[in-house]
Amino acid sequence: MKRYGKDFELTEELMDTIGSYMDDDIREDIHGEMAPCTPEEFLKRYLESDPDFAELLKSEFDIVM
């Protein structure tokens, strides 16, 4: 995972912000399926269910998986 072209570790704080952009139903289903997990594991799984979300990650957060 890269942000601004550099490797980085996704924090809980940033994940909370990203989560506010996610589809509520998908987010809650994955939370029930995977918790507890790391923010990066969660985001990777979310992208499997909502691949178009990768565009938002790039445009809003400059995150590329």
PDB file of N, CA and C in Angstrom:
ATOM      1  N   MET A   1       0.847  -1.161   0.000  1.00  0.00           N
ATOM      2  CA  MET A   1       0.000   0.000   0.000  1.00  0.00           C
ATOM      3  C   MET A   1       0.898   1.230   0.000  1.00  0.00           C
ATOM      4  N   LYS A   2       0.536   2.189  -0.848  1.00  0.00           N
ATOM      5  CA  LYS A   2       1.335   3.412  -0.947  1.00  0.00           C
ATOM      6  C   LYS A   2       0.442   4.631  -0.780  1.00  0.00           C
ATOM      7  N   ARG A   3       1.029   5.652  -0.186  1.00  0.00           N
ATOM      8  CA  ARG A   3       0.368   6.946  -0.066  1.00  0.00           C
ATOM      9  C   ARG A   3       1.389   8.011  -0.438  1.00  0.00           C
ATOM     10  N   TYR A   4       0.984   8.880  -1.320  1.00  0.00           N
ATOM     11  CA  TYR A   4       1.890   9.894  -1.865  1.00  0.00           C
ATOM     12  C   TYR A   4       3.141   9.241  -2.444  1.00  0.00           C
ATOM     13  N   GLY A   5       2.971   8.051  -3.030  1.00  0.00           N
ATOM     14  CA  GLY A   5       4.062   7.348  -3.698  1.00  0.00           C
ATOM     15  C   GLY A   5       5.011   6.610  -2.785  1.00  0.00           C
ATOM     16  N   LYS A   6       4.731   6.597  -1.478  1.00  0.00           N
ATOM     17  CA  LYS A   6       5.629   5.939  -0.521  1.00  0.00           C
ATOM     18  C   LYS A   6       4.870   4.881   0.266  1.00  0.00           C
ATOM     19  N   ASP A   7       5.583   3.816   0.660  1.00  0.00           N
ATOM     20  CA  ASP A   7       4.975   2.802   1.510  1.00  0.00           C
ATOM     21  C   ASP A   7       4.548   3.450   2.820  1.00  0.00           C
ATOM     22  N   PHE A   8       3.397   3.022   3.330  1.00  0.00           N
ATOM     23  CA  PHE A   8       2.953   3.544   4.615  1.00  0.00           C
ATOM     24  C   PHE A   8       2.061   2.524   5.302  1.00  0.00           C
ATOM     25  N   GLU A   9       1.904   2.699   6.609  1.00  0.00           N
ATOM     26  CA  GLU A   9       1.040   1.835   7.401  1.00  0.00           C
ATOM     27  C   GLU A   9      -0.256   2.579   7.693  1.00  0.00           C
ATOM     28  N   LEU A  10      -1.366   1.968   7.360  1.00  0.00           N
ATOM     29  CA  LEU A  10      -2.678   2.564   7.566  1.00  0.00           C
ATOM     30  C   LEU A  10      -3.005   2.571   9.052  1.00  0.00           C
ATOM     31  N   THR A  11      -3.284   3.746   9.588  1.00  0.00           N
ATOM     32  CA  THR A  11      -3.606   3.873  11.009  1.00  0.00           C
ATOM     33  C   THR A  11      -5.102   3.719  11.238  1.00  0.00           C
ATOM     34  N   GLU A  12      -5.468   3.433  12.465  1.00  0.00           N
ATOM     35  CA  GLU A  12      -6.893   3.350  12.834  1.00  0.00           C
ATOM     36  C   GLU A  12      -7.588   4.688  12.588  1.00  0.00           C
ATOM     37  N   GLU A  13      -6.890   5.776  12.907  1.00  0.00           N
ATOM     38  CA  GLU A  13      -7.471   7.111  12.733  1.00  0.00           C
ATOM     39  C   GLU A  13      -7.821   7.383  11.266  1.00  0.00           C
ATOM     40  N   LEU A  14      -6.876   7.109  10.366  1.00  0.00           N
ATOM     41  CA  LEU A  14      -7.142   7.314   8.941  1.00  0.00           C
ATOM     42  C   LEU A  14      -8.208   6.337   8.461  1.00  0.00           C
ATOM     43  N   MET A  15      -8.183   5.114   8.967  1.00  0.00           N
ATOM     44  CA  MET A  15      -9.196   4.132   8.578  1.00  0.00           C
ATOM     45  C   MET A  15     -10.582   4.587   8.984  1.00  0.00           C
ATOM     46  N   ASP A  16     -10.706   5.222  10.137  1.00  0.00           N
ATOM     47  CA  ASP A  16     -12.003   5.756  10.563  1.00  0.00           C
ATOM     48  C   ASP A  16     -12.519   6.793   9.569  1.00  0.00           C
ATOM     49  N   THR A  17     -11.629   7.639   9.082  1.00  0.00           N
ATOM     50  CA  THR A  17     -12.011   8.644   8.095  1.00  0.00           C
ATOM     51  C   THR A  17     -12.411   7.985   6.779  1.00  0.00           C
ATOM     52  N   ILE A  18     -11.609   7.041   6.329  1.00  0.00           N
ATOM     53  CA  ILE A  18     -11.914   6.319   5.098  1.00  0.00           C
ATOM     54  C   ILE A  18     -13.251   5.598   5.236  1.00  0.00           C
ATOM     55  N   GLY A  19     -13.498   5.019   6.401  1.00  0.00           N
ATOM     56  CA  GLY A  19     -14.730   4.286   6.644  1.00  0.00           C
ATOM     57  C   GLY A  19     -15.980   5.128   6.439  1.00  0.00           C
ATOM     58  N   SER A  20     -15.872   6.415   6.677  1.00  0.00           N
ATOM     59  CA  SER A  20     -17.038   7.286   6.507  1.00  0.00           C
ATOM     60  C   SER A  20     -17.445   7.413   5.035  1.00  0.00           C
ATOM     61  N   TYR A  21     -16.558   7.042   4.121  1.00  0.00           N
ATOM     62  CA  TYR A  21     -16.847   7.076   2.684  1.00  0.00           C
ATOM     63  C   TYR A  21     -17.394   5.737   2.175  1.00  0.00           C
ATOM     64  N   MET A  22     -17.306   4.708   2.988  1.00  0.00           N
ATOM     65  CA  MET A  22     -17.682   3.360   2.560  1.00  0.00           C
ATOM     66  C   MET A  22     -19.190   3.163   2.606  1.00  0.00           C
ATOM     67  N   ASP A  23     -19.644   2.195   1.815  1.00  0.00           N
ATOM     68  CA  ASP A  23     -21.033   1.770   1.863  1.00  0.00           C
ATOM     69  C   ASP A  23     -21.279   1.128   3.231  1.00  0.00           C
ATOM     70  N   ASP A  24     -22.293   1.616   3.945  1.00  0.00           N
ATOM     71  CA  ASP A  24     -22.546   1.148   5.313  1.00  0.00           C
ATOM     72  C   ASP A  24     -22.797  -0.352   5.387  1.00  0.00           C
ATOM     73  N   ASP A  25     -23.587  -0.874   4.469  1.00  0.00           N
ATOM     74  CA  ASP A  25     -23.925  -2.298   4.514  1.00  0.00           C
ATOM     75  C   ASP A  25     -22.701  -3.173   4.265  1.00  0.00           C
ATOM     76  N   ILE A  26     -21.913  -2.825   3.273  1.00  0.00           N
ATOM     77  CA  ILE A  26     -20.701  -3.599   2.977  1.00  0.00           C
ATOM     78  C   ILE A  26     -19.740  -3.515   4.154  1.00  0.00           C
ATOM     79  N   ARG A  27     -19.526  -2.307   4.667  1.00  0.00           N
ATOM     80  CA  ARG A  27     -18.598  -2.110   5.785  1.00  0.00           C
ATOM     81  C   ARG A  27     -19.007  -2.947   6.990  1.00  0.00           C
ATOM     82  N   GLU A  28     -20.285  -2.928   7.335  1.00  0.00           N
ATOM     83  CA  GLU A  28     -20.756  -3.673   8.508  1.00  0.00           C
ATOM     84  C   GLU A  28     -20.675  -5.184   8.291  1.00  0.00           C
ATOM     85  N   ASP A  29     -20.982  -5.647   7.085  1.00  0.00           N
ATOM     86  CA  ASP A  29     -20.863  -7.079   6.794  1.00  0.00           C
ATOM     87  C   ASP A  29     -19.423  -7.554   6.964  1.00  0.00           C
ATOM     88  N   ILE A  30     -18.484  -6.779   6.436  1.00  0.00           N
ATOM     89  CA  ILE A  30     -17.077  -7.158   6.532  1.00  0.00           C
ATOM     90  C   ILE A  30     -16.602  -7.074   7.971  1.00  0.00           C
ATOM     91  N   HIS A  31     -17.052  -6.067   8.691  1.00  0.00           N
ATOM     92  CA  HIS A  31     -16.677  -5.947  10.099  1.00  0.00           C
ATOM     93  C   HIS A  31     -17.119  -7.198  10.867  1.00  0.00           C
ATOM     94  N   GLY A  32     -18.349  -7.644  10.631  1.00  0.00           N
ATOM     95  CA  GLY A  32     -18.846  -8.836  11.300  1.00  0.00           C
ATOM     96  C   GLY A  32     -18.094 -10.094  10.906  1.00  0.00           C
ATOM     97  N   GLU A  33     -17.626 -10.118   9.686  1.00  0.00           N
ATOM     98  CA  GLU A  33     -16.900 -11.267   9.147  1.00  0.00           C
ATOM     99  C   GLU A  33     -15.453 -11.328   9.646  1.00  0.00           C
ATOM    100  N   MET A  34     -14.791 -10.185   9.795  1.00  0.00           N
ATOM    101  CA  MET A  34     -13.344 -10.173   9.996  1.00  0.00           C
ATOM    102  C   MET A  34     -12.851  -9.691  11.357  1.00  0.00           C
ATOM    103  N   ALA A  35     -13.628  -8.929  12.079  1.00  0.00           N
ATOM    104  CA  ALA A  35     -13.116  -8.324  13.315  1.00  0.00           C
ATOM    105  C   ALA A  35     -12.707  -9.404  14.306  1.00  0.00           C
ATOM    106  N   PRO A  36     -11.604  -9.241  14.986  1.00  0.00           N
ATOM    107  CA  PRO A  36     -10.630  -8.150  14.846  1.00  0.00           C
ATOM    108  C   PRO A  36      -9.636  -8.422  13.705  1.00  0.00           C
ATOM    109  N   CYS A  37      -9.197  -7.353  13.086  1.00  0.00           N
ATOM    110  CA  CYS A  37      -8.199  -7.432  12.021  1.00  0.00           C
ATOM    111  C   CYS A  37      -7.501  -6.077  11.929  1.00  0.00           C
ATOM    112  N   THR A  38      -6.446  -6.028  11.125  1.00  0.00           N
ATOM    113  CA  THR A  38      -5.736  -4.765  10.945  1.00  0.00           C
ATOM    114  C   THR A  38      -6.513  -3.889   9.968  1.00  0.00           C
ATOM    115  N   PRO A  39      -6.299  -2.582  10.018  1.00  0.00           N
ATOM    116  CA  PRO A  39      -6.954  -1.700   9.046  1.00  0.00           C
ATOM    117  C   PRO A  39      -6.645  -2.084   7.594  1.00  0.00           C
ATOM    118  N   GLU A  40      -5.406  -2.484   7.332  1.00  0.00           N
ATOM    119  CA  GLU A  40      -5.031  -2.854   5.964  1.00  0.00           C
ATOM    120  C   GLU A  40      -5.763  -4.124   5.525  1.00  0.00           C
ATOM    121  N   GLU A  41      -5.869  -5.111   6.385  1.00  0.00           N
ATOM    122  CA  GLU A  41      -6.612  -6.334   6.052  1.00  0.00           C
ATOM    123  C   GLU A  41      -8.072  -5.998   5.738  1.00  0.00           C
ATOM    124  N   PHE A  42      -8.643  -5.133   6.564  1.00  0.00           N
ATOM    125  CA  PHE A  42     -10.034  -4.741   6.363  1.00  0.00           C
ATOM    126  C   PHE A  42     -10.215  -4.037   5.028  1.00  0.00           C
ATOM    127  N   LEU A  43      -9.338  -3.101   4.725  1.00  0.00           N
ATOM    128  CA  LEU A  43      -9.460  -2.336   3.489  1.00  0.00           C
ATOM    129  C   LEU A  43      -9.291  -3.235   2.270  1.00  0.00           C
ATOM    130  N   LYS A  44      -8.350  -4.153   2.319  1.00  0.00           N
ATOM    131  CA  LYS A  44      -8.175  -5.089   1.201  1.00  0.00           C
ATOM    132  C   LYS A  44      -9.447  -5.901   0.988  1.00  0.00           C
ATOM    133  N   ARG A  45     -10.034  -6.376   2.057  1.00  0.00           N
ATOM    134  CA  ARG A  45     -11.272  -7.159   1.951  1.00  0.00           C
ATOM    135  C   ARG A  45     -12.415  -6.287   1.431  1.00  0.00           C
ATOM    136  N   TYR A  46     -12.494  -5.053   1.893  1.00  0.00           N
ATOM    137  CA  TYR A  46     -13.540  -4.147   1.417  1.00  0.00           C
ATOM    138  C   TYR A  46     -13.427  -3.961  -0.094  1.00  0.00           C
ATOM    139  N   LEU A  47     -12.224  -3.788  -0.585  1.00  0.00           N
ATOM    140  CA  LEU A  47     -12.016  -3.576  -2.019  1.00  0.00           C
ATOM    141  C   LEU A  47     -12.415  -4.792  -2.847  1.00  0.00           C
ATOM    142  N   GLU A  48     -12.385  -5.983  -2.261  1.00  0.00           N
ATOM    143  CA  GLU A  48     -12.870  -7.168  -2.963  1.00  0.00           C
ATOM    144  C   GLU A  48     -14.380  -7.058  -3.199  1.00  0.00           C
ATOM    145  N   SER A  49     -15.090  -6.465  -2.244  1.00  0.00           N
ATOM    146  CA  SER A  49     -16.543  -6.321  -2.352  1.00  0.00           C
ATOM    147  C   SER A  49     -16.967  -5.072  -3.114  1.00  0.00           C
ATOM    148  N   ASP A  50     -16.108  -4.063  -3.122  1.00  0.00           N
ATOM    149  CA  ASP A  50     -16.429  -2.787  -3.784  1.00  0.00           C
ATOM    150  C   ASP A  50     -15.186  -2.288  -4.525  1.00  0.00           C
ATOM    151  N   PRO A  51     -14.831  -2.929  -5.654  1.00  0.00           N
ATOM    152  CA  PRO A  51     -13.596  -2.568  -6.362  1.00  0.00           C
ATOM    153  C   PRO A  51     -13.529  -1.117  -6.816  1.00  0.00           C
ATOM    154  N   ASP A  52     -14.679  -0.504  -7.084  1.00  0.00           N
ATOM    155  CA  ASP A  52     -14.683   0.893  -7.519  1.00  0.00           C
ATOM    156  C   ASP A  52     -14.206   1.848  -6.427  1.00  0.00           C
ATOM    157  N   PHE A  53     -14.202   1.384  -5.186  1.00  0.00           N
ATOM    158  CA  PHE A  53     -13.763   2.218  -4.071  1.00  0.00           C
ATOM    159  C   PHE A  53     -12.283   2.591  -4.206  1.00  0.00           C
ATOM    160  N   ALA A  54     -11.523   1.808  -4.968  1.00  0.00           N
ATOM    161  CA  ALA A  54     -10.103   2.115  -5.185  1.00  0.00           C
ATOM    162  C   ALA A  54      -9.925   3.490  -5.826  1.00  0.00           C
ATOM    163  N   GLU A  55     -10.867   3.882  -6.675  1.00  0.00           N
ATOM    164  CA  GLU A  55     -10.798   5.202  -7.307  1.00  0.00           C
ATOM    165  C   GLU A  55     -10.927   6.314  -6.271  1.00  0.00           C
ATOM    166  N   LEU A  56     -11.836   6.133  -5.310  1.00  0.00           N
ATOM    167  CA  LEU A  56     -12.003   7.123  -4.253  1.00  0.00           C
ATOM    168  C   LEU A  56     -10.755   7.188  -3.375  1.00  0.00           C
ATOM    169  N   LEU A  57     -10.174   6.034  -3.056  1.00  0.00           N
ATOM    170  CA  LEU A  57      -8.947   6.029  -2.253  1.00  0.00           C
ATOM    171  C   LEU A  57      -7.849   6.847  -2.923  1.00  0.00           C
ATOM    172  N   LYS A  58      -7.737   6.698  -4.230  1.00  0.00           N
ATOM    173  CA  LYS A  58      -6.712   7.436  -4.973  1.00  0.00           C
ATOM    174  C   LYS A  58      -7.034   8.930  -5.018  1.00  0.00           C
ATOM    175  N   SER A  59      -8.265   9.274  -5.343  1.00  0.00           N
ATOM    176  CA  SER A  59      -8.601  10.682  -5.524  1.00  0.00           C
ATOM    177  C   SER A  59      -8.679  11.457  -4.217  1.00  0.00           C
ATOM    178  N   GLU A  60      -9.190  10.856  -3.167  1.00  0.00           N
ATOM    179  CA  GLU A  60      -9.378  11.570  -1.895  1.00  0.00           C
ATOM    180  C   GLU A  60      -8.187  11.450  -0.936  1.00  0.00           C
ATOM    181  N   PHE A  61      -7.481  10.313  -0.993  1.00  0.00           N
ATOM    182  CA  PHE A  61      -6.436  10.041   0.007  1.00  0.00           C
ATOM    183  C   PHE A  61      -5.078   9.746  -0.597  1.00  0.00           C
ATOM    184  N   ASP A  62      -4.978   9.711  -1.912  1.00  0.00           N
ATOM    185  CA  ASP A  62      -3.754   9.349  -2.636  1.00  0.00           C
ATOM    186  C   ASP A  62      -3.206   8.009  -2.145  1.00  0.00           C
ATOM    187  N   ILE A  63      -4.117   7.059  -1.931  1.00  0.00           N
ATOM    188  CA  ILE A  63      -3.738   5.716  -1.505  1.00  0.00           C
ATOM    189  C   ILE A  63      -3.911   4.783  -2.689  1.00  0.00           C
ATOM    190  N   VAL A  64      -2.861   3.989  -2.947  1.00  0.00           N
ATOM    191  CA  VAL A  64      -2.880   2.993  -3.999  1.00  0.00           C
ATOM    192  C   VAL A  64      -2.535   1.656  -3.350  1.00  0.00           C
ATOM    193  N   MET A  65      -3.392   0.682  -3.590  1.00  0.00           N
ATOM    194  CA  MET A  65      -3.187  -0.639  -2.991  1.00  0.00           C
ATOM    195  C   MET A  65      -2.217  -1.454  -3.822  1.00  0.00           C
TER     196      MET A  65
END
